[in-house]
Amino acid sequence: MDESMAAKLLDDLRHGKIVELFVRKEDFLVFRSVLVKRDDFKYFRGIAQHGGHVLYHYLKEPRS
């Protein structure tokens, strides 16, 4: 995964084109570097999965 693909996937998740986003352990660092730069960063919730993978959802209200 590259930065442009991560940004597109985050936009798709935000706009409801996808309901959840599974990020593999190998792609996490690139993905997270794009995620933390976004203005809507706090609307994304990542849930750790077995093996170091993360499942992301977009929230209606920002997490605290």
Protein backbone atom coordinates (compact mmCIF):
# COMPACT_ATOMS: atom_id res chain seq x y z
CA MET A 1 0.00 0.00 0.00
CA ASP A 2 1.26 3.46 -0.85
CA GLU A 3 0.16 6.84 0.55
CA SER A 4 -2.23 7.65 -2.29
CA MET A 5 -4.00 4.30 -1.94
CA ALA A 6 -4.29 4.82 1.84
CA ALA A 7 -5.80 8.28 1.31
CA LYS A 8 -8.33 6.90 -1.19
CA LEU A 9 -9.35 4.08 1.17
CA LEU A 10 -9.78 6.54 4.03
CA ASP A 11 -11.96 8.76 1.83
CA ASP A 12 -14.05 5.75 0.79
CA LEU A 13 -14.54 4.81 4.44
CA ARG A 14 -15.47 8.38 5.38
CA HIS A 15 -18.03 8.70 2.58
CA GLY A 16 -19.64 5.32 3.28
CA LYS A 17 -18.49 3.59 0.10
CA ILE A 18 -17.05 0.91 2.40
CA VAL A 19 -18.23 0.06 5.91
CA GLU A 20 -14.92 -1.10 7.36
CA LEU A 21 -11.31 -1.20 6.32
CA PHE A 22 -8.91 -4.04 7.11
CA VAL A 23 -5.26 -2.94 7.25
CA ARG A 24 -2.62 -5.62 7.22
CA LYS A 25 0.33 -5.47 9.61
CA GLU A 26 2.73 -4.90 6.71
CA ASP A 27 0.79 -1.82 5.54
CA PHE A 28 0.11 -0.29 8.95
CA LEU A 29 3.00 2.21 9.15
CA VAL A 30 2.30 3.74 5.74
CA PHE A 31 -1.44 3.79 6.42
CA ARG A 32 -1.08 5.39 9.85
CA SER A 33 1.27 8.09 8.54
CA VAL A 34 -1.53 9.20 6.19
CA LEU A 35 -4.26 8.81 8.80
CA VAL A 36 -2.70 11.00 11.50
CA LYS A 37 -2.30 13.93 9.08
CA ARG A 38 -6.05 14.11 8.38
CA ASP A 39 -8.28 16.75 9.94
CA ASP A 40 -10.91 14.08 10.66
CA PHE A 41 -8.42 11.73 12.36
CA LYS A 42 -10.52 11.39 15.52
CA TYR A 43 -13.48 10.04 13.56
CA PHE A 44 -11.58 6.86 12.68
CA ARG A 45 -11.52 4.01 15.16
CA GLY A 46 -9.00 1.21 14.77
CA ILE A 47 -9.63 -2.13 16.44
CA ALA A 48 -6.59 -4.37 16.84
CA GLN A 49 -6.92 -7.83 15.35
CA HIS A 50 -4.97 -11.01 15.90
CA GLY A 51 -1.55 -10.97 14.21
CA GLY A 52 -1.04 -7.20 14.26
CA HIS A 53 -3.74 -6.29 11.75
CA VAL A 54 -6.20 -3.44 12.36
CA LEU A 55 -9.86 -3.03 11.44
CA TYR A 56 -11.00 0.60 10.97
CA HIS A 57 -14.48 2.13 11.15
CA TYR A 58 -15.62 5.70 10.62
CA LEU A 59 -17.57 7.19 13.55
CA LYS A 60 -20.43 9.71 13.44
CA GLU A 61 -18.87 11.59 16.36
CA PRO A 62 -15.17 12.02 17.09
CA ARG A 63 -13.63 9.87 19.78
CA SER A 64 -12.28 11.71 22.77
